Amino acid sequence: MDEILVIDDEPMIRSIVETLLSRRGYSVVCAGTVEEAVGLFNREGANYRALITDYNLEDGTGVDIVNVIKKKAAGIPVVLMTGSAEMTRTASDEAGFFAYFRKPFNVMELGRKIDSLVNRGNKTDEVSSSCLEAVQ
């Protein structure tokens, strides 16, 4: 099963993304800080097919995470999800993110983007309405 690392300091966002990806057939590991994410990546990095991270985290930013990934495993796609006005799509491209999602975003689009980044064919787009409503 393809494993995805999700990093966000908001438990509700982690839960929504985890639910979405689990229903699409992924194994999901979650972290709430840069330190936790880097620790998980250092131990299990070869297992992750993609990472999804928030920009503003308690102990750093998503850019800190993408910089670690670029040094250790440049081919692993890192997707940014952010509500910060400070991180634009252009800035995210320059930082090395593979995709950019502005909060609030359509969780179905995130699922499709992850599928395409890990080269999985069309997956079901069925997600419970409660999951979608929580993001909107």
Protein backbone atom coordinates (compact mmCIF):
# COMPACT_ATOMS: atom_id res chain seq x y z
CA MET A 1 0.00 0.00 0.00
CA ASP A 2 1.33 3.47 -0.90
CA GLU A 3 2.22 5.49 2.19
CA ILE A 4 1.71 9.26 2.46
CA LEU A 5 3.05 11.55 5.22
CA VAL A 6 0.67 14.39 6.15
CA ILE A 7 1.99 17.31 8.20
CA ASP A 8 -0.31 19.95 9.69
CA ASP A 9 -0.50 21.51 13.14
CA GLU A 10 -4.31 21.43 13.05
CA PRO A 11 -5.64 18.01 14.11
CA MET A 12 -8.89 18.53 12.18
CA ILE A 13 -7.04 19.14 8.89
CA ARG A 14 -4.81 16.10 9.49
CA SER A 15 -7.90 14.00 10.17
CA ILE A 16 -9.76 15.18 7.05
CA VAL A 17 -6.78 14.59 4.76
CA GLU A 18 -6.09 11.22 6.40
CA THR A 19 -9.73 10.17 5.86
CA LEU A 20 -9.66 11.26 2.23
CA LEU A 21 -6.42 9.47 1.45
CA SER A 22 -7.36 6.32 3.38
CA ARG A 23 -10.56 6.05 1.38
CA ARG A 24 -8.46 6.34 -1.78
CA GLY A 25 -6.43 3.32 -0.67
CA TYR A 26 -3.40 5.00 0.88
CA SER A 27 -1.72 4.27 4.18
CA VAL A 28 -1.39 7.62 5.98
CA VAL A 29 1.05 8.72 8.67
CA CYS A 30 0.46 12.11 10.31
CA ALA A 31 2.74 14.61 12.03
CA GLY A 32 1.98 17.95 13.67
CA THR A 33 5.42 19.62 13.67
CA VAL A 34 8.51 19.96 11.50
CA GLU A 35 10.54 18.04 14.10
CA GLU A 36 8.07 15.15 14.15
CA ALA A 37 7.87 15.04 10.33
CA VAL A 38 11.64 15.09 9.85
CA GLY A 39 12.02 12.36 12.48
CA LEU A 40 9.45 10.18 10.73
CA PHE A 41 11.07 10.87 7.36
CA ASN A 42 14.53 10.02 8.67
CA ARG A 43 13.23 6.66 9.95
CA GLU A 44 10.78 5.76 7.17
CA GLY A 45 11.53 8.12 4.27
CA ALA A 46 12.04 5.38 1.70
CA ASN A 47 8.49 4.18 2.36
CA TYR A 48 6.72 7.46 1.59
CA ARG A 49 5.37 8.00 -1.91
CA ALA A 50 4.45 11.65 -1.20
CA LEU A 51 4.26 14.26 1.56
CA ILE A 52 1.56 16.85 2.13
CA THR A 53 2.45 19.72 4.42
CA ASP A 54 1.00 22.91 5.77
CA TYR A 55 3.15 26.03 5.41
CA ASN A 56 2.92 27.48 8.93
CA LEU A 57 3.80 24.96 11.60
CA GLU A 58 4.49 25.39 15.30
CA ASP A 59 8.26 24.93 14.95
CA GLY A 60 8.96 26.05 11.37
CA THR A 61 7.47 25.97 7.91
CA GLY A 62 6.72 23.57 5.11
CA VAL A 63 9.76 25.01 3.34
CA ASP A 64 11.93 23.58 6.14
CA ILE A 65 10.44 20.18 5.37
CA VAL A 66 10.84 20.43 1.59
CA ASN A 67 14.49 21.42 2.08
CA VAL A 68 15.15 18.25 4.09
CA ILE A 69 13.37 16.12 1.50
CA LYS A 70 15.28 17.67 -1.41
CA LYS A 71 18.59 16.73 0.27
CA LYS A 72 17.60 13.15 1.09
CA ALA A 73 15.09 12.10 -1.56
CA ALA A 74 14.57 14.74 -4.23
CA GLY A 75 12.13 12.60 -6.21
CA ILE A 76 9.50 12.35 -3.48
CA PRO A 77 6.74 14.84 -4.28
CA VAL A 78 5.91 17.35 -1.54
CA VAL A 79 2.53 19.09 -1.77
CA LEU A 80 1.87 22.37 0.04
CA MET A 81 -1.49 23.27 1.57
CA THR A 82 -1.67 26.70 3.12
CA GLY A 83 -3.91 29.49 4.28
CA SER A 84 -0.95 31.86 4.58
CA ALA A 85 -0.90 34.93 2.35
CA GLU A 86 2.87 34.90 2.66
CA MET A 87 3.27 31.72 0.57
CA THR A 88 2.08 32.19 -3.01
CA ARG A 89 1.89 29.62 -5.80
CA THR A 90 5.00 31.18 -7.40
CA ALA A 91 6.90 31.08 -4.11
CA SER A 92 5.88 27.47 -3.57
CA ASP A 93 7.15 26.52 -7.03
CA GLU A 94 10.45 28.29 -6.31
CA ALA A 95 10.74 26.46 -2.97
CA GLY A 96 10.42 23.09 -4.70
CA PHE A 97 6.86 22.02 -3.94
CA PHE A 98 5.24 19.81 -6.57
CA ALA A 99 1.73 21.23 -6.02
CA TYR A 100 0.02 24.09 -4.17
CA PHE A 101 -3.38 24.08 -2.46
CA ARG A 102 -4.82 27.24 -0.89
CA LYS A 103 -6.97 26.61 2.20
CA PRO A 104 -9.83 26.06 2.09
CA PHE A 105 -9.42 23.71 -0.86
CA ASN A 106 -11.39 20.98 -2.56
CA VAL A 107 -10.31 17.70 -0.95
CA MET A 108 -11.24 15.78 -4.10
CA GLU A 109 -8.71 17.82 -6.10
CA LEU A 110 -6.06 17.04 -3.49
CA GLY A 111 -6.83 13.33 -3.79
CA ARG A 112 -6.61 13.43 -7.58
CA LYS A 113 -3.31 15.35 -7.42
CA ILE A 114 -1.80 12.79 -5.05
CA ASP A 115 -2.98 9.98 -7.35
CA SER A 116 -1.27 11.65 -10.31
CA LEU A 117 1.94 12.37 -8.38
CA VAL A 118 2.34 8.74 -7.32
CA ASN A 119 1.23 7.50 -10.75
CA ARG A 120 -1.91 5.78 -9.62
CA GLY A 121 -4.74 5.53 -12.10
CA ASN A 122 -8.18 6.93 -11.51
CA LYS A 123 -9.33 6.29 -7.97
CA THR A 124 -12.82 6.61 -6.67
CA ASP A 125 -13.87 10.14 -5.82
CA GLU A 126 -16.36 9.03 -3.18
CA VAL A 127 -15.79 10.81 0.09
CA SER A 128 -18.44 11.24 2.71
CA SER A 129 -20.22 14.57 2.66
CA SER A 130 -19.22 15.12 6.29
CA CYS A 131 -15.57 15.08 5.25
CA LEU A 132 -16.22 17.63 2.52
CA GLU A 133 -18.36 19.85 4.71
CA ALA A 134 -15.66 20.00 7.38
CA VAL A 135 -13.25 21.59 4.91
CA GLN A 136 -15.67 24.03 3.27
